[in-house]
Every structure is written in C-alpha cells, then in structure tokens.
PDB file of N, CA and C in Angstrom:
ATOM      1  N   MET A   1     173.927 -61.331 190.132  1.00  0.00           N
ATOM      2  CA  MET A   1     173.272 -61.272 191.425  1.00  0.00           C
ATOM      3  C   MET A   1     174.314 -60.898 192.474  1.00  0.00           C
ATOM      4  N   SER A   2     173.974 -59.975 193.377  1.00  0.00           N
ATOM      5  CA  SER A   2     174.909 -59.541 194.406  1.00  0.00           C
ATOM      6  C   SER A   2     175.033 -60.600 195.500  1.00  0.00           C
ATOM      7  N   ASN A   3     176.112 -60.518 196.275  1.00  0.00           N
ATOM      8  CA  ASN A   3     176.287 -61.437 197.401  1.00  0.00           C
ATOM      9  C   ASN A   3     175.149 -61.318 198.390  1.00  0.00           C
ATOM     10  N   GLU A   4     174.664 -60.089 198.588  1.00  0.00           N
ATOM     11  CA  GLU A   4     173.550 -59.887 199.515  1.00  0.00           C
ATOM     12  C   GLU A   4     172.330 -60.682 199.065  1.00  0.00           C
ATOM     13  N   ALA A   5     172.007 -60.632 197.773  1.00  0.00           N
ATOM     14  CA  ALA A   5     170.856 -61.361 197.245  1.00  0.00           C
ATOM     15  C   ALA A   5     171.073 -62.865 197.351  1.00  0.00           C
ATOM     16  N   GLU A   6     172.307 -63.311 197.110  1.00  0.00           N
ATOM     17  CA  GLU A   6     172.610 -64.743 197.197  1.00  0.00           C
ATOM     18  C   GLU A   6     172.504 -65.258 198.625  1.00  0.00           C
ATOM     19  N   ASN A   7     172.837 -64.424 199.617  1.00  0.00           N
ATOM     20  CA  ASN A   7     172.838 -64.851 201.015  1.00  0.00           C
ATOM     21  C   ASN A   7     171.492 -64.671 201.706  1.00  0.00           C
ATOM     22  N   ARG A   8     170.538 -64.076 201.035  1.00  0.00           N
ATOM     23  CA  ARG A   8     169.228 -63.850 201.625  1.00  0.00           C
ATOM     24  C   ARG A   8     168.523 -65.181 201.840  1.00  0.00           C
ATOM     25  N   GLN A   9     167.988 -65.363 203.031  1.00  0.00           N
ATOM     26  CA  GLN A   9     167.282 -66.601 203.351  1.00  0.00           C
ATOM     27  C   GLN A   9     165.781 -66.366 203.325  1.00  0.00           C
ATOM     28  N   THR A  10     165.057 -67.354 202.900  1.00  0.00           N
ATOM     29  CA  THR A  10     163.606 -67.310 202.963  1.00  0.00           C
ATOM     30  C   THR A  10     163.192 -67.610 204.398  1.00  0.00           C
ATOM     31  N   ILE A  11     162.240 -66.822 204.912  1.00  0.00           N
ATOM     32  CA  ILE A  11     161.739 -67.059 206.260  1.00  0.00           C
ATOM     33  C   ILE A  11     160.252 -67.360 206.184  1.00  0.00           C
ATOM     34  N   SER A  12     159.740 -67.924 207.243  1.00  0.00           N
ATOM     35  CA  SER A  12     158.305 -68.206 207.308  1.00  0.00           C
ATOM     36  C   SER A  12     157.575 -66.983 207.858  1.00  0.00           C
ATOM     37  N   PHE A  13     156.264 -66.976 207.713  1.00  0.00           N
ATOM     38  CA  PHE A  13     155.471 -65.901 208.277  1.00  0.00           C
ATOM     39  C   PHE A  13     155.614 -65.887 209.790  1.00  0.00           C
ATOM     40  N   ASP A  14     155.724 -67.062 210.401  1.00  0.00           N
ATOM     41  CA  ASP A  14     155.928 -67.135 211.854  1.00  0.00           C
ATOM     42  C   ASP A  14     157.244 -66.465 212.249  1.00  0.00           C
ATOM     43  N   ASP A  15     158.289 -66.615 211.423  1.00  0.00           N
ATOM     44  CA  ASP A  15     159.552 -65.919 211.692  1.00  0.00           C
ATOM     45  C   ASP A  15     159.328 -64.404 211.673  1.00  0.00           C
ATOM     46  N   PHE A  16     158.597 -63.910 210.685  1.00  0.00           N
ATOM     47  CA  PHE A  16     158.298 -62.490 210.585  1.00  0.00           C
ATOM     48  C   PHE A  16     157.567 -61.998 211.827  1.00  0.00           C
ATOM     49  N   LEU A  17     156.619 -62.790 212.316  1.00  0.00           N
ATOM     50  CA  LEU A  17     155.836 -62.389 213.485  1.00  0.00           C
ATOM     51  C   LEU A  17     156.681 -62.279 214.752  1.00  0.00           C
ATOM     52  N   LYS A  18     157.833 -62.920 214.779  1.00  0.00           N
ATOM     53  CA  LYS A  18     158.721 -62.838 215.948  1.00  0.00           C
ATOM     54  C   LYS A  18     159.337 -61.453 216.092  1.00  0.00           C
ATOM     55  N   VAL A  19     159.457 -60.731 214.985  1.00  0.00           N
ATOM     56  CA  VAL A  19     160.029 -59.386 215.021  1.00  0.00           C
ATOM     57  C   VAL A  19     158.892 -58.404 215.300  1.00  0.00           C
ATOM     58  N   ASP A  20     158.929 -57.781 216.472  1.00  0.00           N
ATOM     59  CA  ASP A  20     157.868 -56.870 216.898  1.00  0.00           C
ATOM     60  C   ASP A  20     158.237 -55.442 216.487  1.00  0.00           C
ATOM     61  N   ILE A  21     157.654 -54.982 215.380  1.00  0.00           N
ATOM     62  CA  ILE A  21     157.920 -53.642 214.857  1.00  0.00           C
ATOM     63  C   ILE A  21     156.712 -52.775 215.176  1.00  0.00           C
ATOM     64  N   ARG A  22     156.967 -51.705 215.930  1.00  0.00           N
ATOM     65  CA  ARG A  22     155.889 -50.815 216.363  1.00  0.00           C
ATOM     66  C   ARG A  22     156.165 -49.386 215.925  1.00  0.00           C
ATOM     67  N   VAL A  23     155.114 -48.586 215.916  1.00  0.00           N
ATOM     68  CA  VAL A  23     155.248 -47.160 215.614  1.00  0.00           C
ATOM     69  C   VAL A  23     155.265 -46.382 216.926  1.00  0.00           C
ATOM     70  N   GLY A  24     156.102 -45.366 216.955  1.00  0.00           N
ATOM     71  CA  GLY A  24     156.176 -44.488 218.117  1.00  0.00           C
ATOM     72  C   GLY A  24     156.486 -43.073 217.680  1.00  0.00           C
ATOM     73  N   THR A  25     156.275 -42.137 218.586  1.00  0.00           N
ATOM     74  CA  THR A  25     156.542 -40.728 218.318  1.00  0.00           C
ATOM     75  C   THR A  25     157.766 -40.282 219.100  1.00  0.00           C
ATOM     76  N   ILE A  26     158.701 -39.646 218.406  1.00  0.00           N
ATOM     77  CA  ILE A  26     159.893 -39.120 219.074  1.00  0.00           C
ATOM     78  C   ILE A  26     159.461 -37.950 219.958  1.00  0.00           C
ATOM     79  N   VAL A  27     159.720 -38.074 221.269  1.00  0.00           N
ATOM     80  CA  VAL A  27     159.305 -37.038 222.218  1.00  0.00           C
ATOM     81  C   VAL A  27     160.489 -36.247 222.766  1.00  0.00           C
ATOM     82  N   ALA A  28     161.713 -36.758 222.601  1.00  0.00           N
ATOM     83  CA  ALA A  28     162.906 -36.040 223.060  1.00  0.00           C
ATOM     84  C   ALA A  28     164.095 -36.481 222.220  1.00  0.00           C
ATOM     85  N   ALA A  29     165.023 -35.543 222.011  1.00  0.00           N
ATOM     86  CA  ALA A  29     166.242 -35.830 221.255  1.00  0.00           C
ATOM     87  C   ALA A  29     167.372 -34.997 221.849  1.00  0.00           C
ATOM     88  N   GLU A  30     168.528 -35.618 221.977  1.00  0.00           N
ATOM     89  CA  GLU A  30     169.687 -34.886 222.487  1.00  0.00           C
ATOM     90  C   GLU A  30     170.955 -35.408 221.827  1.00  0.00           C
ATOM     91  N   PRO A  31     171.985 -34.589 221.790  1.00  0.00           N
ATOM     92  CA  PRO A  31     173.244 -35.029 221.170  1.00  0.00           C
ATOM     93  C   PRO A  31     173.821 -36.241 221.908  1.00  0.00           C
ATOM     94  N   PHE A  32     174.615 -37.003 221.195  1.00  0.00           N
ATOM     95  CA  PHE A  32     175.300 -38.175 221.774  1.00  0.00           C
ATOM     96  C   PHE A  32     176.776 -38.081 221.382  1.00  0.00           C
ATOM     97  N   PRO A  33     177.493 -37.104 221.954  1.00  0.00           N
ATOM     98  CA  PRO A  33     178.879 -36.875 221.549  1.00  0.00           C
ATOM     99  C   PRO A  33     179.827 -38.025 221.885  1.00  0.00           C
ATOM    100  N   GLU A  34     179.463 -38.871 222.836  1.00  0.00           N
ATOM    101  CA  GLU A  34     180.326 -39.999 223.221  1.00  0.00           C
ATOM    102  C   GLU A  34     180.290 -41.151 222.219  1.00  0.00           C
ATOM    103  N   ALA A  35     179.325 -41.166 221.336  1.00  0.00           N
ATOM    104  CA  ALA A  35     179.195 -42.258 220.356  1.00  0.00           C
ATOM    105  C   ALA A  35     180.386 -42.256 219.398  1.00  0.00           C
ATOM    106  N   ARG A  36     180.801 -43.445 218.974  1.00  0.00           N
ATOM    107  CA  ARG A  36     181.910 -43.564 218.017  1.00  0.00           C
ATOM    108  C   ARG A  36     181.578 -42.902 216.685  1.00  0.00           C
ATOM    109  N   ARG A  37     180.350 -43.113 216.207  1.00  0.00           N
ATOM    110  CA  ARG A  37     179.882 -42.465 214.979  1.00  0.00           C
ATOM    111  C   ARG A  37     178.817 -41.456 215.377  1.00  0.00           C
ATOM    112  N   PRO A  38     178.712 -40.327 214.666  1.00  0.00           N
ATOM    113  CA  PRO A  38     177.736 -39.297 215.043  1.00  0.00           C
ATOM    114  C   PRO A  38     176.329 -39.893 215.212  1.00  0.00           C
ATOM    115  N   ALA A  39     175.709 -39.591 216.356  1.00  0.00           N
ATOM    116  CA  ALA A  39     174.398 -40.157 216.672  1.00  0.00           C
ATOM    117  C   ALA A  39     173.605 -39.181 217.532  1.00  0.00           C
ATOM    118  N   ILE A  40     172.324 -39.474 217.662  1.00  0.00           N
ATOM    119  CA  ILE A  40     171.405 -38.702 218.494  1.00  0.00           C
ATOM    120  C   ILE A  40     170.721 -39.676 219.453  1.00  0.00           C
ATOM    121  N   LYS A  41     170.641 -39.289 220.734  1.00  0.00           N
ATOM    122  CA  LYS A  41     169.867 -40.055 221.714  1.00  0.00           C
ATOM    123  C   LYS A  41     168.399 -39.664 221.541  1.00  0.00           C
ATOM    124  N   LEU A  42     167.538 -40.673 221.479  1.00  0.00           N
ATOM    125  CA  LEU A  42     166.107 -40.441 221.294  1.00  0.00           C
ATOM    126  C   LEU A  42     165.310 -41.066 222.425  1.00  0.00           C
ATOM    127  N   ARG A  43     164.185 -40.452 222.718  1.00  0.00           N
ATOM    128  CA  ARG A  43     163.154 -41.065 223.561  1.00  0.00           C
ATOM    129  C   ARG A  43     161.915 -41.144 222.672  1.00  0.00           C
ATOM    130  N   VAL A  44     161.378 -42.356 222.564  1.00  0.00           N
ATOM    131  CA  VAL A  44     160.265 -42.606 221.648  1.00  0.00           C
ATOM    132  C   VAL A  44     159.082 -43.142 222.448  1.00  0.00           C
ATOM    133  N   ASP A  45     157.920 -42.509 222.283  1.00  0.00           N
ATOM    134  CA  ASP A  45     156.696 -42.915 222.985  1.00  0.00           C
ATOM    135  C   ASP A  45     155.958 -43.948 222.146  1.00  0.00           C
ATOM    136  N   PHE A  46     155.857 -45.172 222.693  1.00  0.00           N
ATOM    137  CA  PHE A  46     155.159 -46.261 222.009  1.00  0.00           C
ATOM    138  C   PHE A  46     153.773 -46.513 222.591  1.00  0.00           C
ATOM    139  N   GLY A  47     153.193 -45.521 223.240  1.00  0.00           N
ATOM    140  CA  GLY A  47     151.832 -45.650 223.743  1.00  0.00           C
ATOM    141  C   GLY A  47     151.767 -46.299 225.112  1.00  0.00           C
ATOM    142  N   PRO A  48     150.534 -46.485 225.626  1.00  0.00           N
ATOM    143  CA  PRO A  48     150.349 -46.947 227.006  1.00  0.00           C
ATOM    144  C   PRO A  48     150.889 -48.356 227.289  1.00  0.00           C
ATOM    145  N   GLU A  49     150.883 -49.235 226.308  1.00  0.00           N
ATOM    146  CA  GLU A  49     151.333 -50.614 226.551  1.00  0.00           C
ATOM    147  C   GLU A  49     152.851 -50.696 226.764  1.00  0.00           C
ATOM    148  N   LEU A  50     153.617 -50.005 225.934  1.00  0.00           N
ATOM    149  CA  LEU A  50     155.079 -50.081 225.992  1.00  0.00           C
ATOM    150  C   LEU A  50     155.732 -48.875 226.646  1.00  0.00           C
ATOM    151  N   GLY A  51     155.086 -47.721 226.606  1.00  0.00           N
ATOM    152  CA  GLY A  51     155.642 -46.515 227.206  1.00  0.00           C
ATOM    153  C   GLY A  51     156.748 -45.888 226.373  1.00  0.00           C
ATOM    154  N   VAL A  52     157.556 -45.078 227.028  1.00  0.00           N
ATOM    155  CA  VAL A  52     158.649 -44.365 226.376  1.00  0.00           C
ATOM    156  C   VAL A  52     159.919 -45.199 226.476  1.00  0.00           C
ATOM    157  N   LYS A  53     160.582 -45.390 225.340  1.00  0.00           N
ATOM    158  CA  LYS A  53     161.814 -46.190 225.267  1.00  0.00           C
ATOM    159  C   LYS A  53     162.948 -45.310 224.770  1.00  0.00           C
ATOM    160  N   LYS A  54     164.183 -45.667 225.196  1.00  0.00           N
ATOM    161  CA  LYS A  54     165.383 -44.939 224.781  1.00  0.00           C
ATOM    162  C   LYS A  54     166.089 -45.679 223.660  1.00  0.00           C
ATOM    163  N   THR A  55     166.734 -44.905 222.787  1.00  0.00           N
ATOM    164  CA  THR A  55     167.560 -45.481 221.743  1.00  0.00           C
ATOM    165  C   THR A  55     168.535 -44.423 221.258  1.00  0.00           C
ATOM    166  N   SER A  56     169.508 -44.850 220.510  1.00  0.00           N
ATOM    167  CA  SER A  56     170.361 -43.893 219.801  1.00  0.00           C
ATOM    168  C   SER A  56     170.302 -44.256 218.330  1.00  0.00           C
ATOM    169  N   ALA A  57     170.459 -43.242 217.497  1.00  0.00           N
ATOM    170  CA  ALA A  57     170.356 -43.471 216.058  1.00  0.00           C
ATOM    171  C   ALA A  57     171.390 -42.615 215.338  1.00  0.00           C
ATOM    172  N   GLN A  58     172.013 -43.212 214.342  1.00  0.00           N
ATOM    173  CA  GLN A  58     173.008 -42.513 213.530  1.00  0.00           C
ATOM    174  C   GLN A  58     172.299 -41.789 212.387  1.00  0.00           C
ATOM    175  N   ILE A  59     171.598 -40.719 212.761  1.00  0.00           N
ATOM    176  CA  ILE A  59     170.728 -40.006 211.824  1.00  0.00           C
ATOM    177  C   ILE A  59     171.131 -38.548 211.636  1.00  0.00           C
ATOM    178  N   THR A  60     172.329 -38.176 212.079  1.00  0.00           N
ATOM    179  CA  THR A  60     172.725 -36.769 212.089  1.00  0.00           C
ATOM    180  C   THR A  60     172.878 -36.161 210.695  1.00  0.00           C
ATOM    181  N   ALA A  61     173.086 -36.964 209.667  1.00  0.00           N
ATOM    182  CA  ALA A  61     173.266 -36.425 208.316  1.00  0.00           C
ATOM    183  C   ALA A  61     171.988 -35.763 207.790  1.00  0.00           C
ATOM    184  N   HIS A  62     170.827 -36.279 208.193  1.00  0.00           N
ATOM    185  CA  HIS A  62     169.567 -35.774 207.638  1.00  0.00           C
ATOM    186  C   HIS A  62     168.635 -35.112 208.643  1.00  0.00           C
ATOM    187  N   TYR A  63     168.922 -35.249 209.943  1.00  0.00           N
ATOM    188  CA  TYR A  63     167.957 -34.784 210.936  1.00  0.00           C
ATOM    189  C   TYR A  63     168.629 -33.941 212.013  1.00  0.00           C
ATOM    190  N   GLY A  64     167.945 -32.855 212.381  1.00  0.00           N
ATOM    191  CA  GLY A  64     168.373 -32.024 213.499  1.00  0.00           C
ATOM    192  C   GLY A  64     167.557 -32.372 214.730  1.00  0.00           C
ATOM    193  N   LEU A  65     168.053 -31.975 215.895  1.00  0.00           N
ATOM    194  CA  LEU A  65     167.394 -32.327 217.158  1.00  0.00           C
ATOM    195  C   LEU A  65     165.960 -31.817 217.241  1.00  0.00           C
ATOM    196  N   ARG A  66     165.731 -30.581 216.859  1.00  0.00           N
ATOM    197  CA  ARG A  66     164.391 -30.009 217.010  1.00  0.00           C
ATOM    198  C   ARG A  66     163.406 -30.501 215.965  1.00  0.00           C
ATOM    199  N   GLU A  67     163.889 -30.748 214.755  1.00  0.00           N
ATOM    200  CA  GLU A  67     162.968 -31.104 213.669  1.00  0.00           C
ATOM    201  C   GLU A  67     162.387 -32.509 213.803  1.00  0.00           C
ATOM    202  N   ILE A  68     163.026 -33.387 214.584  1.00  0.00           N
ATOM    203  CA  ILE A  68     162.520 -34.759 214.674  1.00  0.00           C
ATOM    204  C   ILE A  68     161.524 -34.963 215.813  1.00  0.00           C
ATOM    205  N   ILE A  69     161.419 -33.981 216.706  1.00  0.00           N
ATOM    206  CA  ILE A  69     160.434 -34.090 217.790  1.00  0.00           C
ATOM    207  C   ILE A  69     159.041 -34.114 217.159  1.00  0.00           C
ATOM    208  N   GLY A  70     158.239 -35.089 217.551  1.00  0.00           N
ATOM    209  CA  GLY A  70     156.885 -35.233 217.017  1.00  0.00           C
ATOM    210  C   GLY A  70     156.799 -36.136 215.803  1.00  0.00           C
ATOM    211  N   ARG A  71     157.927 -36.552 215.265  1.00  0.00           N
ATOM    212  CA  ARG A  71     157.942 -37.433 214.092  1.00  0.00           C
ATOM    213  C   ARG A  71     157.644 -38.868 214.525  1.00  0.00           C
ATOM    214  N   GLN A  72     156.804 -39.552 213.772  1.00  0.00           N
ATOM    215  CA  GLN A  72     156.542 -40.968 214.037  1.00  0.00           C
ATOM    216  C   GLN A  72     157.547 -41.824 213.283  1.00  0.00           C
ATOM    217  N   VAL A  73     158.046 -42.861 213.961  1.00  0.00           N
ATOM    218  CA  VAL A  73     159.046 -43.757 213.390  1.00  0.00           C
ATOM    219  C   VAL A  73     158.660 -45.203 213.670  1.00  0.00           C
ATOM    220  N   ALA A  74     159.236 -46.103 212.877  1.00  0.00           N
ATOM    221  CA  ALA A  74     159.070 -47.536 213.097  1.00  0.00           C
ATOM    222  C   ALA A  74     160.305 -48.043 213.841  1.00  0.00           C
ATOM    223  N   ALA A  75     160.093 -48.978 214.761  1.00  0.00           N
ATOM    224  CA  ALA A  75     161.213 -49.514 215.532  1.00  0.00           C
ATOM    225  C   ALA A  75     160.938 -50.956 215.937  1.00  0.00           C
ATOM    226  N   VAL A  76     162.027 -51.738 216.017  1.00  0.00           N
ATOM    227  CA  VAL A  76     161.945 -53.078 216.579  1.00  0.00           C
ATOM    228  C   VAL A  76     161.986 -52.908 218.094  1.00  0.00           C
ATOM    229  N   VAL A  77     160.972 -53.438 218.780  1.00  0.00           N
ATOM    230  CA  VAL A  77     160.870 -53.228 220.228  1.00  0.00           C
ATOM    231  C   VAL A  77     161.164 -54.477 221.051  1.00  0.00           C
ATOM    232  N   ASN A  78     161.477 -55.600 220.378  1.00  0.00           N
ATOM    233  CA  ASN A  78     161.705 -56.814 221.161  1.00  0.00           C
ATOM    234  C   ASN A  78     163.130 -57.366 221.042  1.00  0.00           C
ATOM    235  N   PHE A  79     164.101 -56.519 220.678  1.00  0.00           N
ATOM    236  CA  PHE A  79     165.501 -56.902 220.814  1.00  0.00           C
ATOM    237  C   PHE A  79     165.884 -56.705 222.280  1.00  0.00           C
ATOM    238  N   PRO A  80     166.882 -57.437 222.769  1.00  0.00           N
ATOM    239  CA  PRO A  80     167.347 -57.164 224.133  1.00  0.00           C
ATOM    240  C   PRO A  80     168.027 -55.793 224.175  1.00  0.00           C
ATOM    241  N   PRO A  81     167.994 -55.110 225.322  1.00  0.00           N
ATOM    242  CA  PRO A  81     168.691 -53.819 225.432  1.00  0.00           C
ATOM    243  C   PRO A  81     170.159 -53.979 225.059  1.00  0.00           C
ATOM    244  N   LYS A  82     170.728 -52.904 224.477  1.00  0.00           N
ATOM    245  CA  LYS A  82     172.122 -52.940 224.036  1.00  0.00           C
ATOM    246  C   LYS A  82     172.874 -51.760 224.639  1.00  0.00           C
ATOM    247  N   GLN A  83     173.985 -52.065 225.297  1.00  0.00           N
ATOM    248  CA  GLN A  83     174.821 -51.024 225.882  1.00  0.00           C
ATOM    249  C   GLN A  83     175.632 -50.350 224.784  1.00  0.00           C
ATOM    250  N   ILE A  84     175.511 -49.031 224.676  1.00  0.00           N
ATOM    251  CA  ILE A  84     176.281 -48.246 223.710  1.00  0.00           C
ATOM    252  C   ILE A  84     177.022 -47.193 224.527  1.00  0.00           C
ATOM    253  N   GLY A  85     178.275 -47.475 224.847  1.00  0.00           N
ATOM    254  CA  GLY A  85     179.014 -46.607 225.757  1.00  0.00           C
ATOM    255  C   GLY A  85     178.348 -46.645 227.117  1.00  0.00           C
ATOM    256  N   LYS A  86     178.023 -45.477 227.654  1.00  0.00           N
ATOM    257  CA  LYS A  86     177.337 -45.398 228.950  1.00  0.00           C
ATOM    258  C   LYS A  86     175.824 -45.346 228.791  1.00  0.00           C
ATOM    259  N   PHE A  87     175.341 -45.527 227.576  1.00  0.00           N
ATOM    260  CA  PHE A  87     173.919 -45.397 227.253  1.00  0.00           C
ATOM    261  C   PHE A  87     173.326 -46.766 226.944  1.00  0.00           C
ATOM    262  N   MET A  88     172.135 -47.051 227.485  1.00  0.00           N
ATOM    263  CA  MET A  88     171.445 -48.315 227.219  1.00  0.00           C
ATOM    264  C   MET A  88     170.338 -48.081 226.202  1.00  0.00           C
ATOM    265  N   SER A  89     170.482 -48.681 225.024  1.00  0.00           N
ATOM    266  CA  SER A  89     169.493 -48.565 223.967  1.00  0.00           C
ATOM    267  C   SER A  89     168.465 -49.681 224.134  1.00  0.00           C
ATOM    268  N   GLU A  90     167.181 -49.325 224.096  1.00  0.00           N
ATOM    269  CA  GLU A  90     166.112 -50.291 224.356  1.00  0.00           C
ATOM    270  C   GLU A  90     165.364 -50.747 223.109  1.00  0.00           C
ATOM    271  N   VAL A  91     165.445 -49.982 222.017  1.00  0.00           N
ATOM    272  CA  VAL A  91     164.757 -50.318 220.771  1.00  0.00           C
ATOM    273  C   VAL A  91     165.664 -49.976 219.599  1.00  0.00           C
ATOM    274  N   LEU A  92     165.311 -50.462 218.408  1.00  0.00           N
ATOM    275  CA  LEU A  92     166.068 -50.163 217.198  1.00  0.00           C
ATOM    276  C   LEU A  92     165.161 -49.422 216.225  1.00  0.00           C
ATOM    277  N   VAL A  93     165.419 -48.117 216.049  1.00  0.00           N
ATOM    278  CA  VAL A  93     164.677 -47.320 215.076  1.00  0.00           C
ATOM    279  C   VAL A  93     165.130 -47.765 213.685  1.00  0.00           C
ATOM    280  N   LEU A  94     164.174 -47.933 212.773  1.00  0.00           N
ATOM    281  CA  LEU A  94     164.457 -48.466 211.446  1.00  0.00           C
ATOM    282  C   LEU A  94     164.617 -47.368 210.397  1.00  0.00           C
ATOM    283  N   GLY A  95     165.448 -47.652 209.413  1.00  0.00           N
ATOM    284  CA  GLY A  95     165.655 -46.709 208.324  1.00  0.00           C
ATOM    285  C   GLY A  95     166.270 -47.408 207.130  1.00  0.00           C
ATOM    286  N   PHE A  96     166.361 -46.662 206.044  1.00  0.00           N
ATOM    287  CA  PHE A  96     166.999 -47.138 204.819  1.00  0.00           C
ATOM    288  C   PHE A  96     168.196 -46.252 204.525  1.00  0.00           C
ATOM    289  N   PRO A  97     169.216 -46.797 203.842  1.00  0.00           N
ATOM    290  CA  PRO A  97     170.353 -45.952 203.466  1.00  0.00           C
ATOM    291  C   PRO A  97     170.019 -45.110 202.240  1.00  0.00           C
ATOM    292  N   ASP A  98     170.493 -43.855 202.251  1.00  0.00           N
ATOM    293  CA  ASP A  98     170.380 -43.038 201.042  1.00  0.00           C
ATOM    294  C   ASP A  98     171.542 -43.398 200.116  1.00  0.00           C
ATOM    295  N   GLY A  99     171.754 -42.642 199.064  1.00  0.00           N
ATOM    296  CA  GLY A  99     172.804 -42.928 198.101  1.00  0.00           C
ATOM    297  C   GLY A  99     174.208 -42.902 198.672  1.00  0.00           C
ATOM    298  N   GLN A 100     174.398 -42.207 199.798  1.00  0.00           N
ATOM    299  CA  GLN A 100     175.704 -42.134 200.445  1.00  0.00           C
ATOM    300  C   GLN A 100     175.801 -43.039 201.671  1.00  0.00           C
ATOM    301  N   GLY A 101     174.769 -43.844 201.906  1.00  0.00           N
ATOM    302  CA  GLY A 101     174.778 -44.759 203.045  1.00  0.00           C
ATOM    303  C   GLY A 101     174.319 -44.141 204.355  1.00  0.00           C
ATOM    304  N   GLU A 102     173.786 -42.919 204.312  1.00  0.00           N
ATOM    305  CA  GLU A 102     173.279 -42.261 205.522  1.00  0.00           C
ATOM    306  C   GLU A 102     171.837 -42.704 205.776  1.00  0.00           C
ATOM    307  N   VAL A 103     171.461 -42.781 207.044  1.00  0.00           N
ATOM    308  CA  VAL A 103     170.155 -43.319 207.431  1.00  0.00           C
ATOM    309  C   VAL A 103     169.026 -42.326 207.177  1.00  0.00           C
ATOM    310  N   VAL A 104     167.969 -42.829 206.523  1.00  0.00           N
ATOM    311  CA  VAL A 104     166.708 -42.121 206.362  1.00  0.00           C
ATOM    312  C   VAL A 104     165.676 -42.935 207.140  1.00  0.00           C
ATOM    313  N   MET A 105     165.140 -42.346 208.214  1.00  0.00           N
ATOM    314  CA  MET A 105     164.194 -43.075 209.065  1.00  0.00           C
ATOM    315  C   MET A 105     162.901 -43.385 208.319  1.00  0.00           C
ATOM    316  N   ILE A 106     162.270 -44.482 208.715  1.00  0.00           N
ATOM    317  CA  ILE A 106     160.978 -44.825 208.131  1.00  0.00           C
ATOM    318  C   ILE A 106     159.874 -44.676 209.174  1.00  0.00           C
ATOM    319  N   GLY A 107     158.704 -44.349 208.704  1.00  0.00           N
ATOM    320  CA  GLY A 107     157.544 -44.194 209.562  1.00  0.00           C
ATOM    321  C   GLY A 107     156.305 -44.118 208.692  1.00  0.00           C
ATOM    322  N   PRO A 108     155.146 -44.081 209.313  1.00  0.00           N
ATOM    323  CA  PRO A 108     153.905 -44.032 208.527  1.00  0.00           C
ATOM    324  C   PRO A 108     153.773 -42.696 207.803  1.00  0.00           C
ATOM    325  N   ASP A 109     153.069 -42.704 206.672  1.00  0.00           N
ATOM    326  CA  ASP A 109     152.864 -41.457 205.938  1.00  0.00           C
ATOM    327  C   ASP A 109     151.633 -40.695 206.432  1.00  0.00           C
ATOM    328  N   ARG A 110     150.925 -41.275 207.396  1.00  0.00           N
ATOM    329  CA  ARG A 110     149.807 -40.610 208.073  1.00  0.00           C
ATOM    330  C   ARG A 110     149.929 -40.908 209.555  1.00  0.00           C
ATOM    331  N   THR A 111     149.417 -40.035 210.379  1.00  0.00           N
ATOM    332  CA  THR A 111     149.489 -40.238 211.827  1.00  0.00           C
ATOM    333  C   THR A 111     148.653 -41.449 212.225  1.00  0.00           C
ATOM    334  N   VAL A 112     149.252 -42.312 213.035  1.00  0.00           N
ATOM    335  CA  VAL A 112     148.575 -43.500 213.554  1.00  0.00           C
ATOM    336  C   VAL A 112     148.805 -43.548 215.064  1.00  0.00           C
ATOM    337  N   PRO A 113     148.008 -44.325 215.807  1.00  0.00           N
ATOM    338  CA  PRO A 113     148.215 -44.401 217.242  1.00  0.00           C
ATOM    339  C   PRO A 113     149.574 -45.017 217.591  1.00  0.00           C
ATOM    340  N   ASN A 114     150.256 -44.409 218.561  1.00  0.00           N
ATOM    341  CA  ASN A 114     151.511 -44.965 219.032  1.00  0.00           C
ATOM    342  C   ASN A 114     151.317 -46.377 219.547  1.00  0.00           C
ATOM    343  N   GLY A 115     152.290 -47.236 219.262  1.00  0.00           N
ATOM    344  CA  GLY A 115     152.237 -48.622 219.714  1.00  0.00           C
ATOM    345  C   GLY A 115     151.678 -49.576 218.691  1.00  0.00           C
ATOM    346  N   GLY A 116     151.117 -49.065 217.596  1.00  0.00           N
ATOM    347  CA  GLY A 116     150.586 -49.940 216.554  1.00  0.00           C
ATOM    348  C   GLY A 116     151.667 -50.849 215.981  1.00  0.00           C
ATOM    349  N   ARG A 117     151.300 -52.103 215.774  1.00  0.00           N
ATOM    350  CA  ARG A 117     152.254 -53.101 215.267  1.00  0.00           C
ATOM    351  C   ARG A 117     152.208 -53.183 213.752  1.00  0.00           C
ATOM    352  N   LEU A 118     153.390 -53.282 213.142  1.00  0.00           N
ATOM    353  CA  LEU A 118     153.488 -53.449 211.697  1.00  0.00           C
ATOM    354  C   LEU A 118     152.930 -54.803 211.286  1.00  0.00           C
ATOM    355  N   TYR A 119     152.121 -54.809 210.241  1.00  0.00           N
ATOM    356  CA  TYR A 119     151.652 -56.064 209.642  1.00  0.00           C
ATOM    357  C   TYR A 119     151.439 -55.874 208.167  1.00  0.00           C
TER     358      TYR A 119
END
C-alpha cells in the first residue's frame, strides 16, 4: 500500500458537501508568463448565480489558449481567493495528472448549464 493510500482519511458526506464543485465554461484565456511554473490565466463563466471567476492553471502541456475557449470544466468555487504573483485566483480548476504528471482538466462529457453543482 502506498503512503498516499495509508494517509487517506475517511470523510463524512457532510464533509463532501462543504466542497462546492461547480461546472463553468472557459470564456477567456491568456498567457501567464510571470508564473513560476508555466500556466494560463483563465476566466470561467459559472452562470448567473456566481458569474465569471478568474483562475490560473498549469495546463500548458496539453492545452493551447484558443482551443480551451468554450470548454466546460469542473472547479472548486468556495476556496478563499489566492494571490499568485500579481494575479488573484478565485477558483480552483480540477484535473488529473497524466503519466508525466501534467494536468488533464476534468469536465462533463455532455454540455450542462453553467453553475451546476457536482453531486
């Protein structure tokens, strides 16, 4: 058993509900050359309730600026904002590592309304 598996804690369903994971559509993307690791600044539309939020993501290995516009992604929307250099990140876009540890973003396999909560 790996250390990661040994250190995993069981949580309650109420703990899971505290993490607000929503779907949004990437509406803008721009380079983030000031970031320590290669990243892209994103603006993600989470619908009328949450609006458009800013974030940065280390996704340059698999995604170009133009190809990700219009893509739906999952993100944690209830973390406190995080200062990344001169940029304030408001949400955390979610992904899984590929075989080389590069981020592959996750999102629905069919179009759904922006702002929908994961359950």
